[in-house]
Amino acid sequence: MIEQGFRVKYINDRTKIAIIRCLHRGQRFVSSILPLITLIGDVRAKFRTLYIGATIIQCNKFIVSHQKQFLDRAMGQMTSAKERQDLFKRVMEFDMDR
């Protein structure tokens, strides 16, 4: 049930946010089991559910607003315009081809 339709649609290494797609009938299981995963290979991991949306479009909208809030906090600590521009490019890149 879980393998069918389970897919990582988006990952941003900078903000550590991902969109994970699963079928509706497996959503409760996936959202309850993810916080229990603490290790992936040799890497420590921590999963928190920020948003559960019915469509990828709604998840995209949430991610964009969440990343804008992240940028507001992070840019307050930057001094040069070049650093701010580089951070903005890295955070707001939204590649759904993965």
N, C-alpha and C. Protein backbone atom coordinates (compact mmCIF):
# COMPACT_ATOMS: atom_id res chain seq x y z
N MET A 1 0.83 -1.19 0.00
CA MET A 1 0.00 0.00 0.00
C MET A 1 0.87 1.25 0.00
N ILE A 2 1.96 1.26 0.76
CA ILE A 2 2.79 2.44 0.87
C ILE A 2 3.69 2.61 -0.36
N GLU A 3 4.24 1.53 -0.88
CA GLU A 3 5.14 1.63 -2.02
C GLU A 3 4.47 2.24 -3.24
N GLN A 4 3.22 1.97 -3.42
CA GLN A 4 2.50 2.50 -4.55
C GLN A 4 2.24 3.99 -4.33
N GLY A 5 2.78 4.82 -5.19
CA GLY A 5 2.55 6.25 -5.09
C GLY A 5 3.47 6.98 -4.14
N PHE A 6 4.34 6.30 -3.42
CA PHE A 6 5.26 6.96 -2.49
C PHE A 6 6.43 7.53 -3.28
N ARG A 7 6.65 8.84 -3.15
CA ARG A 7 7.70 9.47 -3.94
C ARG A 7 8.12 10.79 -3.29
N VAL A 8 9.40 11.07 -3.30
CA VAL A 8 9.91 12.36 -2.84
C VAL A 8 9.85 13.29 -4.04
N LYS A 9 9.06 14.35 -3.93
CA LYS A 9 8.85 15.27 -5.05
C LYS A 9 9.81 16.45 -5.03
N TYR A 10 10.27 16.86 -3.85
CA TYR A 10 11.09 18.06 -3.74
C TYR A 10 11.94 17.98 -2.48
N ILE A 11 13.20 18.41 -2.62
CA ILE A 11 14.09 18.49 -1.47
C ILE A 11 14.91 19.78 -1.59
N ASN A 12 15.01 20.52 -0.50
CA ASN A 12 15.88 21.68 -0.45
C ASN A 12 16.86 21.45 0.69
N ASP A 13 18.12 21.26 0.35
CA ASP A 13 19.15 20.98 1.36
C ASP A 13 19.38 22.17 2.28
N ARG A 14 19.22 23.36 1.77
CA ARG A 14 19.48 24.57 2.56
C ARG A 14 18.46 24.74 3.69
N THR A 15 17.17 24.59 3.36
CA THR A 15 16.13 24.75 4.38
C THR A 15 15.73 23.44 5.02
N LYS A 16 16.23 22.34 4.47
CA LYS A 16 15.95 20.99 4.98
C LYS A 16 14.45 20.67 4.95
N ILE A 17 13.84 20.99 3.81
CA ILE A 17 12.41 20.75 3.61
C ILE A 17 12.25 19.81 2.43
N ALA A 18 11.28 18.92 2.54
CA ALA A 18 10.98 18.00 1.45
C ALA A 18 9.48 17.87 1.30
N ILE A 19 9.07 17.57 0.08
CA ILE A 19 7.67 17.21 -0.18
C ILE A 19 7.67 15.73 -0.50
N ILE A 20 6.91 14.99 0.28
CA ILE A 20 6.79 13.54 0.08
C ILE A 20 5.36 13.26 -0.35
N ARG A 21 5.24 12.56 -1.46
CA ARG A 21 3.93 12.25 -2.00
C ARG A 21 3.59 10.81 -1.67
N CYS A 22 2.36 10.58 -1.26
CA CYS A 22 1.87 9.21 -1.05
C CYS A 22 0.39 9.19 -1.37
N LEU A 23 -0.12 8.01 -1.55
CA LEU A 23 -1.54 7.88 -1.83
C LEU A 23 -2.35 8.24 -0.58
N HIS A 24 -3.56 8.68 -0.79
CA HIS A 24 -4.40 9.13 0.32
C HIS A 24 -4.60 8.04 1.37
N ARG A 25 -4.77 6.81 0.92
CA ARG A 25 -5.05 5.74 1.88
C ARG A 25 -3.84 5.39 2.76
N GLY A 26 -2.63 5.82 2.38
CA GLY A 26 -1.45 5.55 3.19
C GLY A 26 -0.94 6.76 3.94
N GLN A 27 -1.62 7.88 3.82
CA GLN A 27 -1.16 9.14 4.40
C GLN A 27 -1.02 9.08 5.92
N ARG A 28 -1.96 8.52 6.60
CA ARG A 28 -1.88 8.45 8.07
C ARG A 28 -0.70 7.61 8.53
N PHE A 29 -0.48 6.50 7.86
CA PHE A 29 0.64 5.63 8.23
C PHE A 29 1.97 6.35 8.00
N VAL A 30 2.12 6.98 6.85
CA VAL A 30 3.37 7.67 6.53
C VAL A 30 3.62 8.81 7.51
N SER A 31 2.60 9.61 7.79
CA SER A 31 2.80 10.75 8.70
C SER A 31 3.05 10.31 10.15
N SER A 32 2.61 9.12 10.52
CA SER A 32 2.86 8.65 11.88
C SER A 32 4.20 7.92 12.00
N ILE A 33 4.68 7.34 10.92
CA ILE A 33 5.93 6.56 10.99
C ILE A 33 7.17 7.43 10.75
N LEU A 34 7.05 8.51 9.98
CA LEU A 34 8.22 9.34 9.67
C LEU A 34 8.92 9.90 10.91
N PRO A 35 8.22 10.41 11.91
CA PRO A 35 8.93 10.93 13.09
C PRO A 35 9.72 9.87 13.86
N LEU A 36 9.41 8.61 13.64
CA LEU A 36 10.13 7.54 14.35
C LEU A 36 11.46 7.20 13.70
N ILE A 37 11.69 7.66 12.47
CA ILE A 37 12.95 7.40 11.77
C ILE A 37 13.99 8.38 12.29
N THR A 38 15.09 7.85 12.82
CA THR A 38 16.13 8.71 13.37
C THR A 38 17.47 8.54 12.67
N LEU A 39 17.61 7.52 11.83
CA LEU A 39 18.88 7.25 11.17
C LEU A 39 18.62 6.74 9.76
N ILE A 40 19.28 7.36 8.78
CA ILE A 40 19.22 6.90 7.39
C ILE A 40 20.65 6.62 6.98
N GLY A 41 21.00 5.34 6.88
CA GLY A 41 22.39 4.97 6.65
C GLY A 41 23.21 5.37 7.87
N ASP A 42 24.21 6.22 7.64
CA ASP A 42 25.03 6.73 8.75
C ASP A 42 24.64 8.14 9.15
N VAL A 43 23.61 8.68 8.55
CA VAL A 43 23.21 10.07 8.77
C VAL A 43 22.04 10.14 9.74
N ARG A 44 22.17 11.01 10.75
CA ARG A 44 21.06 11.23 11.68
C ARG A 44 19.98 12.03 10.97
N ALA A 45 18.74 11.68 11.22
CA ALA A 45 17.61 12.35 10.56
C ALA A 45 16.53 12.67 11.58
N LYS A 46 15.79 13.72 11.29
CA LYS A 46 14.66 14.09 12.12
C LYS A 46 13.56 14.58 11.19
N PHE A 47 12.41 13.97 11.28
CA PHE A 47 11.29 14.32 10.42
C PHE A 47 10.18 14.96 11.24
N ARG A 48 9.67 16.07 10.75
CA ARG A 48 8.51 16.73 11.33
C ARG A 48 7.55 17.04 10.19
N THR A 49 6.29 16.88 10.44
CA THR A 49 5.29 17.22 9.44
C THR A 49 4.92 18.68 9.63
N LEU A 50 5.18 19.49 8.60
CA LEU A 50 4.83 20.90 8.65
C LEU A 50 3.46 21.16 8.05
N TYR A 51 3.10 20.35 7.05
CA TYR A 51 1.86 20.60 6.33
C TYR A 51 1.44 19.33 5.61
N ILE A 52 0.15 19.07 5.59
CA ILE A 52 -0.40 17.96 4.80
C ILE A 52 -1.41 18.58 3.86
N GLY A 53 -1.13 18.45 2.57
CA GLY A 53 -2.01 19.05 1.56
C GLY A 53 -2.61 17.98 0.67
N ALA A 54 -3.72 18.32 0.07
CA ALA A 54 -4.39 17.37 -0.82
C ALA A 54 -3.73 17.33 -2.19
N THR A 55 -3.07 18.43 -2.58
CA THR A 55 -2.43 18.46 -3.90
C THR A 55 -1.00 18.97 -3.76
N ILE A 56 -0.19 18.66 -4.77
CA ILE A 56 1.19 19.14 -4.79
C ILE A 56 1.20 20.66 -4.92
N ILE A 57 0.25 21.23 -5.63
CA ILE A 57 0.18 22.69 -5.79
C ILE A 57 0.01 23.37 -4.44
N GLN A 58 -0.88 22.85 -3.60
CA GLN A 58 -1.06 23.44 -2.27
C GLN A 58 0.20 23.30 -1.42
N CYS A 59 0.88 22.18 -1.56
CA CYS A 59 2.14 21.99 -0.83
C CYS A 59 3.19 22.98 -1.33
N ASN A 60 3.24 23.21 -2.65
CA ASN A 60 4.17 24.19 -3.21
C ASN A 60 3.91 25.58 -2.63
N LYS A 61 2.64 25.97 -2.55
CA LYS A 61 2.29 27.28 -1.99
C LYS A 61 2.77 27.39 -0.54
N PHE A 62 2.57 26.33 0.23
CA PHE A 62 3.02 26.35 1.62
C PHE A 62 4.54 26.46 1.71
N ILE A 63 5.25 25.69 0.87
CA ILE A 63 6.71 25.70 0.89
C ILE A 63 7.24 27.09 0.55
N VAL A 64 6.65 27.74 -0.45
CA VAL A 64 7.10 29.08 -0.84
C VAL A 64 6.93 30.06 0.32
N SER A 65 5.78 30.03 0.98
CA SER A 65 5.58 30.96 2.10
C SER A 65 6.51 30.62 3.27
N HIS A 66 6.73 29.34 3.51
CA HIS A 66 7.64 28.92 4.59
C HIS A 66 9.07 29.36 4.28
N GLN A 67 9.51 29.22 3.03
CA GLN A 67 10.86 29.61 2.65
C GLN A 67 11.04 31.13 2.70
N LYS A 68 9.99 31.88 2.40
CA LYS A 68 10.07 33.33 2.52
C LYS A 68 10.28 33.74 3.97
N GLN A 69 9.61 33.06 4.89
CA GLN A 69 9.82 33.34 6.31
C GLN A 69 11.25 33.00 6.72
N PHE A 70 11.77 31.88 6.21
CA PHE A 70 13.15 31.49 6.47
C PHE A 70 14.11 32.56 5.96
N LEU A 71 13.85 33.07 4.75
CA LEU A 71 14.70 34.11 4.17
C LEU A 71 14.68 35.38 5.01
N ASP A 72 13.52 35.78 5.47
CA ASP A 72 13.42 36.98 6.30
C ASP A 72 14.31 36.87 7.53
N ARG A 73 14.27 35.71 8.18
CA ARG A 73 15.10 35.51 9.38
C ARG A 73 16.59 35.47 9.03
N ALA A 74 16.93 34.74 7.95
CA ALA A 74 18.34 34.55 7.59
C ALA A 74 18.96 35.83 7.03
N MET A 75 18.21 36.60 6.26
CA MET A 75 18.77 37.81 5.65
C MET A 75 19.02 38.91 6.68
N GLY A 76 18.36 38.85 7.80
CA GLY A 76 18.62 39.82 8.86
C GLY A 76 20.02 39.69 9.43
N GLN A 77 20.63 38.52 9.25
CA GLN A 77 21.97 38.27 9.79
C GLN A 77 23.07 38.54 8.76
N MET A 78 22.71 38.80 7.50
CA MET A 78 23.70 39.01 6.43
C MET A 78 24.04 40.49 6.32
N THR A 79 25.29 40.76 5.94
CA THR A 79 25.73 42.16 5.84
C THR A 79 25.81 42.65 4.39
N SER A 80 26.24 41.81 3.46
CA SER A 80 26.42 42.28 2.09
C SER A 80 25.25 41.88 1.19
N ALA A 81 25.03 42.66 0.16
CA ALA A 81 23.95 42.39 -0.80
C ALA A 81 24.25 41.12 -1.60
N LYS A 82 25.51 40.85 -1.87
CA LYS A 82 25.90 39.65 -2.63
C LYS A 82 25.53 38.39 -1.85
N GLU A 83 25.80 38.36 -0.55
CA GLU A 83 25.43 37.22 0.29
C GLU A 83 23.92 37.02 0.29
N ARG A 84 23.18 38.09 0.39
CA ARG A 84 21.71 38.00 0.39
C ARG A 84 21.18 37.45 -0.93
N GLN A 85 21.76 37.92 -2.04
CA GLN A 85 21.32 37.45 -3.35
C GLN A 85 21.62 35.96 -3.53
N ASP A 86 22.79 35.53 -3.11
CA ASP A 86 23.16 34.11 -3.21
C ASP A 86 22.24 33.24 -2.36
N LEU A 87 21.97 33.69 -1.14
CA LEU A 87 21.07 32.94 -0.26
C LEU A 87 19.68 32.85 -0.88
N PHE A 88 19.19 33.94 -1.42
CA PHE A 88 17.86 33.95 -2.04
C PHE A 88 17.78 32.93 -3.18
N LYS A 89 18.81 32.87 -4.02
CA LYS A 89 18.82 31.91 -5.14
C LYS A 89 18.80 30.47 -4.64
N ARG A 90 19.62 30.18 -3.61
CA ARG A 90 19.70 28.80 -3.11
C ARG A 90 18.41 28.36 -2.43
N VAL A 91 17.80 29.26 -1.67
CA VAL A 91 16.60 28.89 -0.90
C VAL A 91 15.38 28.78 -1.80
N MET A 92 15.24 29.69 -2.73
CA MET A 92 14.01 29.75 -3.52
C MET A 92 14.05 28.89 -4.78
N GLU A 93 15.15 28.17 -5.02
CA GLU A 93 15.14 27.27 -6.17
C GLU A 93 14.14 26.16 -5.89
N PHE A 94 13.30 25.93 -6.84
CA PHE A 94 12.19 25.01 -6.63
C PHE A 94 12.15 24.05 -7.80
N ASP A 95 12.94 23.00 -7.74
CA ASP A 95 13.07 22.05 -8.83
C ASP A 95 12.25 20.81 -8.52
N MET A 96 11.18 20.62 -9.26
CA MET A 96 10.28 19.49 -9.00
C MET A 96 10.59 18.28 -9.88
N ASP A 97 11.73 18.27 -10.55
CA ASP A 97 12.07 17.17 -11.46
C ASP A 97 12.70 15.98 -10.77
N ARG A 98 12.93 16.04 -9.48
CA ARG A 98 13.59 14.93 -8.77
C ARG A 98 12.68 13.79 -8.55
